[in-house]
Protein backbone atom coordinates (compact mmCIF):
# COMPACT_ATOMS: atom_id res chain seq x y z
CA UNK A 1 -23.93 13.43 28.48
CA UNK A 2 -20.59 12.17 29.84
CA UNK A 3 -19.26 9.17 27.95
CA UNK A 4 -18.93 7.01 31.03
CA UNK A 5 -22.66 7.45 31.62
CA UNK A 6 -23.49 6.77 28.01
CA UNK A 7 -21.74 3.40 28.22
CA UNK A 8 -24.57 2.17 30.45
CA UNK A 9 -26.92 2.52 27.48
CA UNK A 10 -24.73 0.51 25.14
CA UNK A 11 -26.30 -2.90 25.71
CA UNK A 12 -29.69 -1.62 24.61
CA UNK A 13 -28.16 0.05 21.57
CA UNK A 14 -26.21 -3.05 20.63
CA UNK A 15 -29.44 -4.98 20.34
CA UNK A 16 -30.77 -2.44 17.87
CA UNK A 17 -29.09 -0.24 15.30
CA UNK A 18 -25.57 -1.20 16.41
CA UNK A 19 -26.15 -4.96 16.59
CA UNK A 20 -23.32 -7.32 15.73
CA UNK A 21 -22.59 -11.02 16.08
CA UNK A 22 -19.03 -12.06 16.81
CA UNK A 23 -17.66 -15.54 17.08
CA UNK A 24 -14.32 -15.74 18.80
CA UNK A 25 -12.74 -17.90 16.10
CA UNK A 26 -11.98 -14.63 14.35
CA UNK A 27 -14.98 -14.13 12.06
CA UNK A 28 -17.26 -11.15 12.54
CA UNK A 29 -20.75 -10.67 11.10
CA UNK A 30 -21.14 -6.96 11.64
CA UNK A 31 -23.82 -4.38 11.06
CA UNK A 32 -24.13 -2.95 7.59
CA UNK A 33 -22.17 0.21 8.38
CA UNK A 34 -18.40 0.10 8.12
CA UNK A 35 -16.60 -1.10 11.28
CA UNK A 36 -13.71 0.86 12.73
CA UNK A 37 -10.57 0.05 10.80
CA UNK A 38 -7.13 1.16 11.98
CA UNK A 39 -4.33 0.42 9.55
CA UNK A 40 -1.61 0.72 12.20
CA UNK A 41 -0.05 -2.76 12.05
CA UNK A 42 0.22 -5.06 15.05
CA UNK A 43 3.79 -6.06 15.77
CA UNK A 44 5.04 -9.60 16.05
CA UNK A 45 5.88 -10.90 19.52
CA UNK A 46 9.59 -10.81 18.67
CA UNK A 47 9.37 -7.17 17.56
CA UNK A 48 7.47 -6.23 20.70
CA UNK A 49 9.98 -7.98 22.95
CA UNK A 50 12.96 -6.36 21.22
CA UNK A 51 11.48 -2.85 21.37
CA UNK A 52 10.28 -3.26 24.94
CA UNK A 53 13.69 -4.53 26.05
CA UNK A 54 15.37 -1.49 24.52
CA UNK A 55 12.78 0.83 26.08
CA UNK A 56 13.34 -0.71 29.52
CA UNK A 57 17.10 -0.22 29.20
CA UNK A 58 16.61 3.41 28.21
CA UNK A 59 14.22 4.02 31.11
CA UNK A 60 16.67 2.37 33.50
CA UNK A 61 19.35 4.82 32.35
CA UNK A 62 17.01 7.76 32.84
CA UNK A 63 15.92 6.44 36.23
CA UNK A 64 19.52 6.09 37.39
CA UNK A 65 19.94 9.79 36.74
CA UNK A 66 16.68 10.65 38.46
CA UNK A 67 15.08 11.88 35.25
CA UNK A 68 12.36 9.35 34.44
CA UNK A 69 10.04 9.89 37.41
CA UNK A 70 10.31 13.65 37.05
CA UNK A 71 9.49 13.50 33.34
CA UNK A 72 6.68 10.98 33.80
CA UNK A 73 4.96 13.10 36.44
CA UNK A 74 5.31 16.39 34.57
CA UNK A 75 2.74 17.50 32.01
CA UNK A 76 4.14 16.96 28.53
CA UNK A 77 3.11 19.64 26.04
CA UNK A 78 2.81 18.37 22.47
CA UNK A 79 2.80 20.81 19.57
CA UNK A 80 0.34 19.70 16.89
CA UNK A 81 0.82 20.55 13.23
CA UNK A 82 -2.53 19.91 11.57
CA UNK A 83 -2.45 19.15 7.84
CA UNK A 84 -5.84 19.34 6.10
CA UNK A 85 -5.78 17.53 2.76
CA UNK A 86 -8.65 18.22 0.40
CA UNK A 87 -9.62 17.15 -3.07
CA UNK A 88 -9.33 19.77 -5.78
CA UNK A 89 -13.11 20.11 -5.63
CA UNK A 90 -12.89 21.06 -1.94
CA UNK A 91 -14.01 17.82 -0.27
CA UNK A 92 -12.43 17.36 3.15
CA UNK A 93 -11.87 21.03 3.89
CA UNK A 94 -12.57 20.77 7.61
CA UNK A 95 -13.24 23.97 9.50
CA UNK A 96 -11.00 25.63 12.06
CA UNK A 97 -13.74 24.85 14.58
CA UNK A 98 -13.54 21.12 13.80
CA UNK A 99 -9.77 21.23 14.24
CA UNK A 100 -10.13 23.03 17.57
CA UNK A 101 -12.71 20.47 18.68
CA UNK A 102 -10.36 17.60 17.74
CA UNK A 103 -7.62 19.14 19.87
CA UNK A 104 -10.15 19.52 22.69
CA UNK A 105 -11.09 15.82 22.43
CA UNK A 106 -7.41 14.84 22.66
CA UNK A 107 -6.85 17.08 25.68
CA UNK A 108 -9.88 15.72 27.53
CA UNK A 109 -8.95 12.08 26.83
CA UNK A 110 -5.26 12.43 27.70
CA UNK A 111 -5.98 14.44 30.86
CA UNK A 112 -8.36 11.76 32.13
CA UNK A 113 -11.37 14.07 31.96
CA UNK A 114 -13.55 11.49 30.19
CA UNK A 115 -13.23 8.92 32.98
CA UNK A 116 -9.81 7.35 32.57
CA UNK A 117 -6.34 7.94 33.96
CA UNK A 118 -4.52 11.23 33.46
CA UNK A 119 -1.81 10.62 30.85
CA UNK A 120 -0.20 14.00 31.68
CA UNK A 121 -0.21 15.13 28.05
CA UNK A 122 -1.44 18.44 26.70
CA UNK A 123 -1.90 19.15 22.99
CA UNK A 124 -1.43 22.63 21.58
CA UNK A 125 -2.22 23.59 17.99
CA UNK A 126 1.03 24.90 16.51
CA UNK A 127 -0.12 25.42 12.93
CA UNK A 128 -2.52 24.44 10.17
CA UNK A 129 -1.75 23.74 6.52
CA UNK A 130 -4.36 23.24 3.80
CA UNK A 131 -3.42 21.35 0.65
CA UNK A 132 -5.65 20.57 -2.34
CA UNK A 133 -4.24 17.43 -3.94
CA UNK A 134 -6.34 14.51 -5.21
CA UNK A 135 -3.50 12.03 -4.83
CA UNK A 136 -2.82 12.99 -1.23
CA UNK A 137 -6.54 13.10 -0.48
CA UNK A 138 -6.87 9.41 -1.39
CA UNK A 139 -3.53 8.33 0.13
CA UNK A 140 -3.73 4.96 1.86
CA UNK A 141 -1.48 3.39 4.48
CA UNK A 142 1.90 2.39 3.06
CA UNK A 143 1.30 4.01 -0.32
CA UNK A 144 3.72 6.14 -2.28
CA UNK A 145 1.12 8.91 -1.99
CA UNK A 146 1.39 8.77 1.81
CA UNK A 147 5.17 9.02 1.63
CA UNK A 148 5.00 11.94 -0.80
CA UNK A 149 2.38 13.75 1.30
CA UNK A 150 4.32 13.45 4.53
CA UNK A 151 7.67 14.30 2.94
CA UNK A 152 6.19 17.50 1.56
CA UNK A 153 4.27 18.59 4.65
CA UNK A 154 5.78 17.25 7.88
CA UNK A 155 7.07 19.81 10.38
CA UNK A 156 8.98 19.71 13.65
CA UNK A 157 10.92 16.98 15.41
CA UNK A 158 10.22 13.68 17.19
CA UNK A 159 8.14 15.28 19.94
CA UNK A 160 5.88 17.22 17.56
CA UNK A 161 2.65 15.60 16.40
CA UNK A 162 1.83 15.88 12.71
CA UNK A 163 -1.88 15.16 12.27
CA UNK A 164 -3.10 14.62 8.69
CA UNK A 165 -6.73 14.43 7.55
CA UNK A 166 -7.74 12.99 4.19
CA UNK A 167 -10.09 10.31 2.82
CA UNK A 168 -8.07 7.10 2.34
CA UNK A 169 -9.10 5.18 -0.75
CA UNK A 170 -8.57 1.87 1.10
CA UNK A 171 -11.28 2.64 3.65
CA UNK A 172 -9.28 2.79 6.90
CA UNK A 173 -10.35 5.38 9.42
CA UNK A 174 -6.75 6.08 10.34
CA UNK A 175 -3.26 4.92 11.19
CA UNK A 176 -0.15 6.06 13.03
CA UNK A 177 3.55 5.45 13.42
CA UNK A 178 5.09 4.16 16.65
CA UNK A 179 7.74 6.15 18.54
CA UNK A 180 10.37 3.49 17.86
CA UNK A 181 10.02 4.09 14.11
CA UNK A 182 11.03 7.74 14.20
CA UNK A 183 14.79 7.29 13.97
CA UNK A 184 14.63 5.16 10.83
CA UNK A 185 11.85 7.09 9.09
CA UNK A 186 11.38 10.57 10.59
CA UNK A 187 9.45 11.99 7.65
CA UNK A 188 6.80 9.28 7.93
CA UNK A 189 6.14 10.04 11.60
CA UNK A 190 2.62 11.10 12.53
CA UNK A 191 -1.08 10.31 12.50
CA UNK A 192 -3.52 10.12 9.59
CA UNK A 193 -7.31 10.21 10.09
CA UNK A 194 -10.27 10.25 7.73
CA UNK A 195 -11.55 13.84 7.91
CA UNK A 196 -15.09 12.57 8.52
CA UNK A 197 -14.05 11.16 11.94
CA UNK A 198 -13.40 14.60 13.43
CA UNK A 199 -15.99 15.82 15.96
CA UNK A 200 -19.25 16.53 14.14
CA UNK A 201 -18.17 14.65 11.01
CA UNK A 202 -20.34 12.34 8.96
CA UNK A 203 -18.70 9.01 9.89
CA UNK A 204 -21.27 8.02 12.55
CA UNK A 205 -20.63 6.29 14.98
CA UNK A 206 -16.97 7.27 14.59
CA UNK A 207 -17.46 11.02 14.49
CA UNK A 208 -16.63 12.21 18.01
CA UNK A 209 -12.88 12.51 17.40
CA UNK A 210 -11.76 9.28 19.03
CA UNK A 211 -10.18 7.88 15.89
CA UNK A 212 -7.69 10.66 16.56
CA UNK A 213 -7.46 9.66 20.23
CA UNK A 214 -6.83 6.03 19.23
CA UNK A 215 -4.19 6.85 16.61
CA UNK A 216 -2.36 9.27 18.90
CA UNK A 217 -2.31 6.39 21.40
CA UNK A 218 -0.21 4.43 18.90
CA UNK A 219 1.93 7.50 18.31
CA UNK A 220 2.85 7.60 22.01
CA UNK A 221 3.59 3.86 22.12
CA UNK A 222 0.35 2.03 22.89
CA UNK A 223 -0.76 -1.14 21.12
CA UNK A 224 -4.28 -2.35 20.44
CA UNK A 225 -5.84 -3.92 23.52
CA UNK A 226 -6.24 -7.11 21.48
CA UNK A 227 -2.55 -7.22 20.44
CA UNK A 228 -1.42 -10.81 20.87
CA UNK A 229 -4.92 -12.14 21.59
CA UNK A 230 -5.36 -14.34 24.66
CA UNK A 231 -1.82 -13.95 25.88
CA UNK A 232 -0.94 -12.67 29.32
CA UNK A 233 1.66 -10.28 27.84
CA UNK A 234 -0.94 -9.15 25.28
CA UNK A 235 -0.49 -5.39 24.69
CA UNK A 236 2.34 -5.10 27.20
CA UNK A 237 0.07 -3.44 29.77
CA UNK A 238 -0.89 -5.41 32.87
CA UNK A 239 -4.12 -3.58 33.69
CA UNK A 240 -5.85 -4.07 30.32
CA UNK A 241 -7.45 -7.55 30.36
CA UNK A 242 -6.49 -9.90 27.53
CA UNK A 243 -8.79 -9.75 24.52
CA UNK A 244 -8.93 -12.35 21.74
CA UNK A 245 -9.97 -9.97 18.97
CA UNK A 246 -11.19 -6.45 18.34
CA UNK A 247 -14.59 -5.43 19.66
CA UNK A 248 -17.02 -3.38 17.58
CA UNK A 249 -20.15 -1.56 18.64
CA UNK A 250 -20.30 -1.54 22.43
CA UNK A 251 -20.72 -5.16 23.60
CA UNK A 252 -20.92 -4.78 27.38
CA UNK A 253 -19.77 -7.88 29.26
CA UNK A 254 -17.90 -9.37 26.30
CA UNK A 255 -15.31 -11.84 27.63
CA UNK A 256 -13.30 -13.36 24.80
CA UNK A 257 -10.44 -14.72 26.96
CA UNK A 258 -11.78 -16.95 29.70
CA UNK A 259 -10.23 -19.01 32.48
CA UNK A 260 -8.23 -18.26 35.61
CA UNK A 261 -5.27 -16.96 33.61
CA UNK A 262 -7.40 -14.23 32.03
CA UNK A 263 -9.37 -12.34 34.68
CA UNK A 264 -11.64 -9.50 33.70
CA UNK A 265 -13.98 -8.84 30.79
CA UNK A 266 -12.74 -7.30 27.57
CA UNK A 267 -11.64 -3.65 27.85
CA UNK A 268 -14.20 -2.39 25.35
CA UNK A 269 -14.21 1.07 26.95
CA UNK A 270 -10.49 1.53 26.24
CA UNK A 271 -9.42 4.00 23.57
CA UNK A 272 -7.16 1.34 22.08
CA UNK A 273 -9.97 -1.07 21.17
CA UNK A 274 -12.19 -0.73 18.07
CA UNK A 275 -15.52 0.10 19.70
CA UNK A 276 -17.76 3.03 18.74
CA UNK A 277 -16.66 6.48 19.83
CA UNK A 278 -19.40 6.81 22.46
CA UNK A 279 -18.28 3.52 24.02
CA UNK A 280 -14.58 4.28 24.49
CA UNK A 281 -13.61 6.74 27.18
CA UNK A 282 -10.48 5.68 29.08
CA UNK A 283 -6.80 4.94 29.29
CA UNK A 284 -5.36 2.97 32.21
CA UNK A 285 -2.50 3.60 34.64
CA UNK A 286 -0.46 0.94 32.86
CA UNK A 287 -0.97 2.66 29.54
CA UNK A 288 0.07 5.98 31.07
CA UNK A 289 3.27 4.39 32.38
CA UNK A 290 4.00 2.78 29.02
CA UNK A 291 3.42 6.05 27.15
CA UNK A 292 5.74 7.89 29.55
CA UNK A 293 8.44 5.26 29.00
CA UNK A 294 8.18 5.50 25.24
CA UNK A 295 8.12 9.28 25.32
CA UNK A 296 11.29 9.44 27.39
CA UNK A 297 13.04 6.84 25.24
CA UNK A 298 12.07 7.90 21.73
CA UNK A 299 10.52 11.39 21.60
CA UNK A 300 11.56 13.75 24.39
CA UNK A 301 14.14 16.17 23.05
CA UNK A 302 14.86 14.03 19.98
């Protein structure tokens, strides 16, 4: 069943097995299963403003030469180097089929085939490595193990996606680097996902591959939809309504930022929220524009 149709069932599901109770002061009483956790850090408002100002200046330069619109409207092909990290006992050794299905999920999401806007991005598997290393297998965000793993395995340049799967000891489902970080730390660039989140994995309800979709969203320059909370600048995208905090499950009609300054209910169906995989199915036109700007400024040909 198409995800956009499945969303209509979410209210019933949220009253049952996926029930949660959220108060908008920031405390969540969630169902017993682990909630989605993305270790990609939110940036401070000053950091966002500085990076966005630089990005706008770069886009203005490209636009003056007639390049930006042409690049934004063309399909960008992204080579994906897939790094499968396993334990020495073989845990995490995802199949070639699972890898192909993850690439398929990315292509459907970023082409707008799941119900959102076409981001004009196409992902092509460029290679697969398989590494048995217990330290890498448990590598968590910001750890020396992560640095060592990426230094040893990363391939390509700024416009190549390095996608790592392991089982982080800290419990996050994944994390990513932003485009603006590549120049200062090129070896750290890429996406890390728990191997159990790949399509058909055991991390239900996060096992349809959209942890990868979410983390790749960061990799192309998108913030969480709840970045900045109830702030009109929020995630820097005008067509994603402001959201006070992350949403889990699939809470249809949730409206955490109320009043005339904050029209629209929370964008729980957006890939950059924290909802269950079946609930998220779209990017917006504003996100597509932002991703194109960041690609042109930080990744294309770098």
